[in-house]
Amino acid sequence: VEDQVTIVIQVNGKLRRQLTINHQQSAIKDEVLALAKSDPKVAKWLKSGKIKKEIFVPNKLVNFVV
Protein backbone atom coordinates (compact mmCIF):
# COMPACT_ATOMS: atom_id res chain seq x y z
CA VAL A 1 0.00 0.00 0.00
CA GLU A 2 1.37 3.38 -0.97
CA ASP A 3 1.69 6.15 1.63
CA GLN A 4 1.16 8.96 -0.88
CA VAL A 5 -1.70 9.53 -3.32
CA THR A 6 -1.79 11.99 -6.23
CA ILE A 7 -5.14 13.74 -6.60
CA VAL A 8 -5.99 15.65 -9.77
CA ILE A 9 -7.62 19.06 -9.23
CA GLN A 10 -9.81 20.32 -12.07
CA VAL A 11 -11.82 23.50 -12.59
CA ASN A 12 -14.62 23.15 -15.15
CA GLY A 13 -13.15 19.83 -16.28
CA LYS A 14 -9.69 21.22 -17.05
CA LEU A 15 -6.59 20.12 -15.19
CA ARG A 16 -5.28 22.91 -12.96
CA ARG A 17 -3.14 21.14 -10.37
CA GLN A 18 -2.04 17.81 -8.94
CA LEU A 19 -1.73 17.39 -5.18
CA THR A 20 0.23 14.64 -3.48
CA ILE A 21 -1.15 13.91 -0.03
CA ASN A 22 -1.10 11.12 2.55
CA HIS A 23 -3.22 8.10 1.70
CA GLN A 24 -5.19 8.34 4.97
CA GLN A 25 -5.95 12.03 4.40
CA SER A 26 -7.18 11.45 0.84
CA ALA A 27 -10.38 9.72 1.97
CA ILE A 28 -11.61 12.71 3.99
CA LYS A 29 -13.62 14.84 1.58
CA ASP A 30 -13.65 18.07 3.60
CA GLU A 31 -9.87 18.09 4.07
CA VAL A 32 -9.13 17.43 0.40
CA LEU A 33 -11.58 20.12 -0.77
CA ALA A 34 -10.05 22.63 1.67
CA LEU A 35 -6.53 21.84 0.42
CA ALA A 36 -7.63 22.19 -3.19
CA LYS A 37 -9.38 25.53 -2.61
CA SER A 38 -6.43 26.97 -0.71
CA ASP A 39 -3.90 26.17 -3.44
CA PRO A 40 -2.92 29.44 -5.21
CA LYS A 41 -3.02 27.94 -8.71
CA VAL A 42 -6.57 26.67 -8.17
CA ALA A 43 -7.80 29.69 -6.19
CA LYS A 44 -7.20 32.08 -9.08
CA TRP A 45 -9.62 30.03 -11.23
CA LEU A 46 -12.22 29.82 -8.45
CA LYS A 47 -12.35 33.54 -7.70
CA SER A 48 -13.80 34.31 -11.15
CA GLY A 49 -17.20 32.91 -10.19
CA LYS A 50 -19.33 31.01 -7.71
CA ILE A 51 -18.76 27.29 -7.21
CA LYS A 52 -21.90 25.52 -8.43
CA LYS A 53 -20.81 21.95 -7.83
CA GLU A 54 -17.94 20.07 -6.18
CA ILE A 55 -17.19 16.60 -7.51
CA PHE A 56 -15.04 14.39 -5.29
CA VAL A 57 -13.76 10.93 -6.24
CA PRO A 58 -11.75 9.48 -3.33
CA ASN A 59 -8.05 8.94 -4.04
CA LYS A 60 -8.37 10.25 -7.62
CA LEU A 61 -10.10 13.52 -8.45
CA VAL A 62 -11.60 16.83 -7.35
CA ASN A 63 -13.52 18.90 -9.89
CA PHE A 64 -15.04 22.32 -9.25
CA VAL A 65 -17.80 23.53 -11.57
CA VAL A 66 -17.79 27.33 -11.64
PDB file of N, CA and C in Angstrom:
ATOM      1  N   VAL A   1       0.843  -1.181   0.000  1.00  0.00           N
ATOM      2  CA  VAL A   1       0.000   0.000   0.000  1.00  0.00           C
ATOM      3  C   VAL A   1       0.883   1.238   0.000  1.00  0.00           C
ATOM      4  N   GLU A   2       0.576   2.162  -0.877  1.00  0.00           N
ATOM      5  CA  GLU A   2       1.365   3.383  -0.968  1.00  0.00           C
ATOM      6  C   GLU A   2       0.972   4.359   0.131  1.00  0.00           C
ATOM      7  N   ASP A   3       1.950   5.142   0.597  1.00  0.00           N
ATOM      8  CA  ASP A   3       1.692   6.148   1.627  1.00  0.00           C
ATOM      9  C   ASP A   3       1.178   7.446   1.024  1.00  0.00           C
ATOM     10  N   GLN A   4       1.534   7.717  -0.225  1.00  0.00           N
ATOM     11  CA  GLN A   4       1.160   8.963  -0.884  1.00  0.00           C
ATOM     12  C   GLN A   4       0.185   8.688  -2.029  1.00  0.00           C
ATOM     13  N   VAL A   5      -0.737   9.629  -2.236  1.00  0.00           N
ATOM     14  CA  VAL A   5      -1.705   9.530  -3.323  1.00  0.00           C
ATOM     15  C   VAL A   5      -1.688  10.848  -4.080  1.00  0.00           C
ATOM     16  N   THR A   6      -1.719  10.792  -5.407  1.00  0.00           N
ATOM     17  CA  THR A   6      -1.787  11.992  -6.232  1.00  0.00           C
ATOM     18  C   THR A   6      -3.237  12.214  -6.631  1.00  0.00           C
ATOM     19  N   ILE A   7      -3.754  13.387  -6.287  1.00  0.00           N
ATOM     20  CA  ILE A   7      -5.138  13.738  -6.603  1.00  0.00           C
ATOM     21  C   ILE A   7      -5.123  14.853  -7.637  1.00  0.00           C
ATOM     22  N   VAL A   8      -5.891  14.676  -8.697  1.00  0.00           N
ATOM     23  CA  VAL A   8      -5.993  15.654  -9.771  1.00  0.00           C
ATOM     24  C   VAL A   8      -7.041  16.689  -9.381  1.00  0.00           C
ATOM     25  N   ILE A   9      -6.694  17.968  -9.522  1.00  0.00           N
ATOM     26  CA  ILE A   9      -7.619  19.060  -9.235  1.00  0.00           C
ATOM     27  C   ILE A   9      -8.005  19.697 -10.559  1.00  0.00           C
ATOM     28  N   GLN A  10      -9.306  19.743 -10.830  1.00  0.00           N
ATOM     29  CA  GLN A  10      -9.810  20.323 -12.065  1.00  0.00           C
ATOM     30  C   GLN A  10     -10.765  21.464 -11.744  1.00  0.00           C
ATOM     31  N   VAL A  11     -10.820  22.440 -12.647  1.00  0.00           N
ATOM     32  CA  VAL A  11     -11.822  23.498 -12.593  1.00  0.00           C
ATOM     33  C   VAL A  11     -12.512  23.491 -13.948  1.00  0.00           C
ATOM     34  N   ASN A  12     -13.818  23.286 -13.928  1.00  0.00           N
ATOM     35  CA  ASN A  12     -14.621  23.151 -15.146  1.00  0.00           C
ATOM     36  C   ASN A  12     -14.073  22.065 -16.076  1.00  0.00           C
ATOM     37  N   GLY A  13     -13.607  20.972 -15.492  1.00  0.00           N
ATOM     38  CA  GLY A  13     -13.146  19.835 -16.277  1.00  0.00           C
ATOM     39  C   GLY A  13     -11.751  19.949 -16.839  1.00  0.00           C
ATOM     40  N   LYS A  14     -11.051  21.030 -16.530  1.00  0.00           N
ATOM     41  CA  LYS A  14      -9.694  21.218 -17.051  1.00  0.00           C
ATOM     42  C   LYS A  14      -8.685  21.084 -15.921  1.00  0.00           C
ATOM     43  N   LEU A  15      -7.628  20.362 -16.177  1.00  0.00           N
ATOM     44  CA  LEU A  15      -6.590  20.123 -15.187  1.00  0.00           C
ATOM     45  C   LEU A  15      -5.936  21.432 -14.774  1.00  0.00           C
ATOM     46  N   ARG A  16      -5.911  21.694 -13.479  1.00  0.00           N
ATOM     47  CA  ARG A  16      -5.278  22.906 -12.964  1.00  0.00           C
ATOM     48  C   ARG A  16      -4.130  22.600 -12.013  1.00  0.00           C
ATOM     49  N   ARG A  17      -4.170  21.439 -11.361  1.00  0.00           N
ATOM     50  CA  ARG A  17      -3.144  21.139 -10.367  1.00  0.00           C
ATOM     51  C   ARG A  17      -3.205  19.661 -10.005  1.00  0.00           C
ATOM     52  N   GLN A  18      -2.091  19.140  -9.514  1.00  0.00           N
ATOM     53  CA  GLN A  18      -2.043  17.805  -8.935  1.00  0.00           C
ATOM     54  C   GLN A  18      -1.480  17.931  -7.537  1.00  0.00           C
ATOM     55  N   LEU A  19      -2.176  17.359  -6.571  1.00  0.00           N
ATOM     56  CA  LEU A  19      -1.729  17.389  -5.184  1.00  0.00           C
ATOM     57  C   LEU A  19      -1.309  15.994  -4.763  1.00  0.00           C
ATOM     58  N   THR A  20      -0.205  15.901  -4.058  1.00  0.00           N
ATOM     59  CA  THR A  20       0.232  14.637  -3.484  1.00  0.00           C
ATOM     60  C   THR A  20       0.032  14.736  -1.979  1.00  0.00           C
ATOM     61  N   ILE A  21      -0.825  13.871  -1.459  1.00  0.00           N
ATOM     62  CA  ILE A  21      -1.151  13.910  -0.035  1.00  0.00           C
ATOM     63  C   ILE A  21      -1.056  12.505   0.547  1.00  0.00           C
ATOM     64  N   ASN A  22      -1.141  12.415   1.878  1.00  0.00           N
ATOM     65  CA  ASN A  22      -1.103  11.124   2.553  1.00  0.00           C
ATOM     66  C   ASN A  22      -2.321  10.302   2.183  1.00  0.00           C
ATOM     67  N   HIS A  23      -2.143   9.007   2.091  1.00  0.00           N
ATOM     68  CA  HIS A  23      -3.219   8.100   1.701  1.00  0.00           C
ATOM     69  C   HIS A  23      -4.397   8.179   2.673  1.00  0.00           C
ATOM     70  N   GLN A  24      -4.126   8.278   3.971  1.00  0.00           N
ATOM     71  CA  GLN A  24      -5.194   8.344   4.972  1.00  0.00           C
ATOM     72  C   GLN A  24      -5.981   9.638   4.852  1.00  0.00           C
ATOM     73  N   GLN A  25      -5.321  10.716   4.513  1.00  0.00           N
ATOM     74  CA  GLN A  25      -5.953  12.028   4.395  1.00  0.00           C
ATOM     75  C   GLN A  25      -6.802  12.131   3.132  1.00  0.00           C
ATOM     76  N   SER A  26      -6.501  11.333   2.123  1.00  0.00           N
ATOM     77  CA  SER A  26      -7.176  11.447   0.836  1.00  0.00           C
ATOM     78  C   SER A  26      -8.632  10.979   0.876  1.00  0.00           C
ATOM     79  N   ALA A  27      -9.008  10.215   1.884  1.00  0.00           N
ATOM     80  CA  ALA A  27     -10.376   9.719   1.967  1.00  0.00           C
ATOM     81  C   ALA A  27     -11.310  10.711   2.648  1.00  0.00           C
ATOM     82  N   ILE A  28     -10.781  11.738   3.274  1.00  0.00           N
ATOM     83  CA  ILE A  28     -11.605  12.712   3.993  1.00  0.00           C
ATOM     84  C   ILE A  28     -11.935  13.862   3.052  1.00  0.00           C
ATOM     85  N   LYS A  29     -13.174  13.898   2.615  1.00  0.00           N
ATOM     86  CA  LYS A  29     -13.616  14.837   1.579  1.00  0.00           C
ATOM     87  C   LYS A  29     -13.383  16.289   1.972  1.00  0.00           C
ATOM     88  N   ASP A  30     -13.766  16.676   3.183  1.00  0.00           N
ATOM     89  CA  ASP A  30     -13.649  18.073   3.602  1.00  0.00           C
ATOM     90  C   ASP A  30     -12.202  18.558   3.605  1.00  0.00           C
ATOM     91  N   GLU A  31     -11.283  17.708   4.039  1.00  0.00           N
ATOM     92  CA  GLU A  31      -9.868  18.089   4.075  1.00  0.00           C
ATOM     93  C   GLU A  31      -9.303  18.266   2.664  1.00  0.00           C
ATOM     94  N   VAL A  32      -9.646  17.358   1.770  1.00  0.00           N
ATOM     95  CA  VAL A  32      -9.132  17.425   0.401  1.00  0.00           C
ATOM     96  C   VAL A  32      -9.685  18.661  -0.315  1.00  0.00           C
ATOM     97  N   LEU A  33     -10.987  18.943  -0.138  1.00  0.00           N
ATOM     98  CA  LEU A  33     -11.578  20.122  -0.766  1.00  0.00           C
ATOM     99  C   LEU A  33     -10.951  21.404  -0.229  1.00  0.00           C
ATOM    100  N   ALA A  34     -10.683  21.452   1.074  1.00  0.00           N
ATOM    101  CA  ALA A  34     -10.051  22.631   1.668  1.00  0.00           C
ATOM    102  C   ALA A  34      -8.637  22.832   1.125  1.00  0.00           C
ATOM    103  N   LEU A  35      -7.883  21.746   0.990  1.00  0.00           N
ATOM    104  CA  LEU A  35      -6.532  21.840   0.422  1.00  0.00           C
ATOM    105  C   LEU A  35      -6.578  22.327  -1.020  1.00  0.00           C
ATOM    106  N   ALA A  36      -7.515  21.808  -1.780  1.00  0.00           N
ATOM    107  CA  ALA A  36      -7.628  22.193  -3.188  1.00  0.00           C
ATOM    108  C   ALA A  36      -8.003  23.666  -3.330  1.00  0.00           C
ATOM    109  N   LYS A  37      -8.949  24.131  -2.529  1.00  0.00           N
ATOM    110  CA  LYS A  37      -9.385  25.529  -2.611  1.00  0.00           C
ATOM    111  C   LYS A  37      -8.302  26.497  -2.158  1.00  0.00           C
ATOM    112  N   SER A  38      -7.454  26.073  -1.235  1.00  0.00           N
ATOM    113  CA  SER A  38      -6.426  26.971  -0.705  1.00  0.00           C
ATOM    114  C   SER A  38      -5.186  27.053  -1.590  1.00  0.00           C
ATOM    115  N   ASP A  39      -5.046  26.146  -2.537  1.00  0.00           N
ATOM    116  CA  ASP A  39      -3.902  26.168  -3.438  1.00  0.00           C
ATOM    117  C   ASP A  39      -3.965  27.405  -4.336  1.00  0.00           C
ATOM    118  N   PRO A  40      -2.892  28.196  -4.431  1.00  0.00           N
ATOM    119  CA  PRO A  40      -2.920  29.443  -5.206  1.00  0.00           C
ATOM    120  C   PRO A  40      -3.247  29.252  -6.689  1.00  0.00           C
ATOM    121  N   LYS A  41      -2.764  28.173  -7.290  1.00  0.00           N
ATOM    122  CA  LYS A  41      -3.022  27.943  -8.714  1.00  0.00           C
ATOM    123  C   LYS A  41      -4.487  27.621  -8.974  1.00  0.00           C
ATOM    124  N   VAL A  42      -5.150  27.000  -8.021  1.00  0.00           N
ATOM    125  CA  VAL A  42      -6.566  26.672  -8.167  1.00  0.00           C
ATOM    126  C   VAL A  42      -7.425  27.862  -7.758  1.00  0.00           C
ATOM    127  N   ALA A  43      -7.018  28.573  -6.720  1.00  0.00           N
ATOM    128  CA  ALA A  43      -7.804  29.694  -6.191  1.00  0.00           C
ATOM    129  C   ALA A  43      -8.024  30.786  -7.236  1.00  0.00           C
ATOM    130  N   LYS A  44      -7.035  31.026  -8.079  1.00  0.00           N
ATOM    131  CA  LYS A  44      -7.203  32.077  -9.084  1.00  0.00           C
ATOM    132  C   LYS A  44      -8.296  31.723 -10.088  1.00  0.00           C
ATOM    133  N   TRP A  45      -8.549  30.435 -10.323  1.00  0.00           N
ATOM    134  CA  TRP A  45      -9.622  30.026 -11.230  1.00  0.00           C
ATOM    135  C   TRP A  45     -10.975  30.037 -10.521  1.00  0.00           C
ATOM    136  N   LEU A  46     -10.965  29.856  -9.200  1.00  0.00           N
ATOM    137  CA  LEU A  46     -12.220  29.824  -8.448  1.00  0.00           C
ATOM    138  C   LEU A  46     -12.761  31.212  -8.141  1.00  0.00           C
ATOM    139  N   LYS A  47     -11.892  32.205  -8.073  1.00  0.00           N
ATOM    140  CA  LYS A  47     -12.349  33.542  -7.703  1.00  0.00           C
ATOM    141  C   LYS A  47     -13.155  34.223  -8.811  1.00  0.00           C
ATOM    142  N   SER A  48     -13.094  33.692 -10.027  1.00  0.00           N
ATOM    143  CA  SER A  48     -13.802  34.315 -11.147  1.00  0.00           C
ATOM    144  C   SER A  48     -15.310  34.088 -11.099  1.00  0.00           C
ATOM    145  N   GLY A  49     -15.776  33.177 -10.270  1.00  0.00           N
ATOM    146  CA  GLY A  49     -17.203  32.914 -10.192  1.00  0.00           C
ATOM    147  C   GLY A  49     -17.563  32.114  -8.958  1.00  0.00           C
ATOM    148  N   LYS A  50     -18.825  31.777  -8.845  1.00  0.00           N
ATOM    149  CA  LYS A  50     -19.327  31.015  -7.710  1.00  0.00           C
ATOM    150  C   LYS A  50     -19.238  29.521  -8.015  1.00  0.00           C
ATOM    151  N   ILE A  51     -18.848  28.726  -7.038  1.00  0.00           N
ATOM    152  CA  ILE A  51     -18.758  27.286  -7.210  1.00  0.00           C
ATOM    153  C   ILE A  51     -20.174  26.711  -7.201  1.00  0.00           C
ATOM    154  N   LYS A  52     -20.573  26.103  -8.313  1.00  0.00           N
ATOM    155  CA  LYS A  52     -21.905  25.523  -8.435  1.00  0.00           C
ATOM    156  C   LYS A  52     -21.945  24.083  -7.954  1.00  0.00           C
ATOM    157  N   LYS A  53     -20.841  23.361  -8.181  1.00  0.00           N
ATOM    158  CA  LYS A  53     -20.807  21.952  -7.831  1.00  0.00           C
ATOM    159  C   LYS A  53     -19.378  21.529  -7.515  1.00  0.00           C
ATOM    160  N   GLU A  54     -19.241  20.643  -6.529  1.00  0.00           N
ATOM    161  CA  GLU A  54     -17.944  20.070  -6.178  1.00  0.00           C
ATOM    162  C   GLU A  54     -18.039  18.567  -6.371  1.00  0.00           C
ATOM    163  N   ILE A  55     -17.202  18.037  -7.246  1.00  0.00           N
ATOM    164  CA  ILE A  55     -17.188  16.600  -7.512  1.00  0.00           C
ATOM    165  C   ILE A  55     -15.941  16.024  -6.863  1.00  0.00           C
ATOM    166  N   PHE A  56     -16.144  15.000  -6.024  1.00  0.00           N
ATOM    167  CA  PHE A  56     -15.041  14.391  -5.293  1.00  0.00           C
ATOM    168  C   PHE A  56     -15.053  12.890  -5.534  1.00  0.00           C
ATOM    169  N   VAL A  57     -13.951  12.378  -6.075  1.00  0.00           N
ATOM    170  CA  VAL A  57     -13.755  10.934  -6.245  1.00  0.00           C
ATOM    171  C   VAL A  57     -12.581  10.569  -5.346  1.00  0.00           C
ATOM    172  N   PRO A  58     -12.821   9.801  -4.292  1.00  0.00           N
ATOM    173  CA  PRO A  58     -11.755   9.479  -3.334  1.00  0.00           C
ATOM    174  C   PRO A  58     -10.514   8.893  -4.008  1.00  0.00           C
ATOM    175  N   ASN A  59      -9.369   9.391  -3.586  1.00  0.00           N
ATOM    176  CA  ASN A  59      -8.047   8.943  -4.042  1.00  0.00           C
ATOM    177  C   ASN A  59      -7.755   9.228  -5.509  1.00  0.00           C
ATOM    178  N   LYS A  60      -8.600  10.029  -6.203  1.00  0.00           N
ATOM    179  CA  LYS A  60      -8.372  10.253  -7.620  1.00  0.00           C
ATOM    180  C   LYS A  60      -8.557  11.713  -8.056  1.00  0.00           C
ATOM    181  N   LEU A  61      -9.708  12.322  -7.743  1.00  0.00           N
ATOM    182  CA  LEU A  61     -10.096  13.522  -8.451  1.00  0.00           C
ATOM    183  C   LEU A  61     -10.925  14.471  -7.604  1.00  0.00           C
ATOM    184  N   VAL A  62     -10.716  15.774  -7.836  1.00  0.00           N
ATOM    185  CA  VAL A  62     -11.597  16.827  -7.346  1.00  0.00           C
ATOM    186  C   VAL A  62     -11.869  17.748  -8.525  1.00  0.00           C
ATOM    187  N   ASN A  63     -13.157  18.015  -8.777  1.00  0.00           N
ATOM    188  CA  ASN A  63     -13.525  18.896  -9.892  1.00  0.00           C
ATOM    189  C   ASN A  63     -14.479  19.952  -9.363  1.00  0.00           C
ATOM    190  N   PHE A  64     -14.178  21.218  -9.629  1.00  0.00           N
ATOM    191  CA  PHE A  64     -15.042  22.322  -9.252  1.00  0.00           C
ATOM    192  C   PHE A  64     -15.730  22.834 -10.512  1.00  0.00           C
ATOM    193  N   VAL A  65     -17.052  22.960 -10.469  1.00  0.00           N
ATOM    194  CA  VAL A  65     -17.803  23.529 -11.570  1.00  0.00           C
ATOM    195  C   VAL A  65     -18.135  24.966 -11.170  1.00  0.00           C
ATOM    196  N   VAL A  66     -17.617  25.910 -11.955  1.00  0.00           N
ATOM    197  CA  VAL A  66     -17.792  27.332 -11.641  1.00  0.00           C
ATOM    198  C   VAL A  66     -18.738  27.945 -12.637  1.00  0.00           C
TER     199      VAL A  66
END
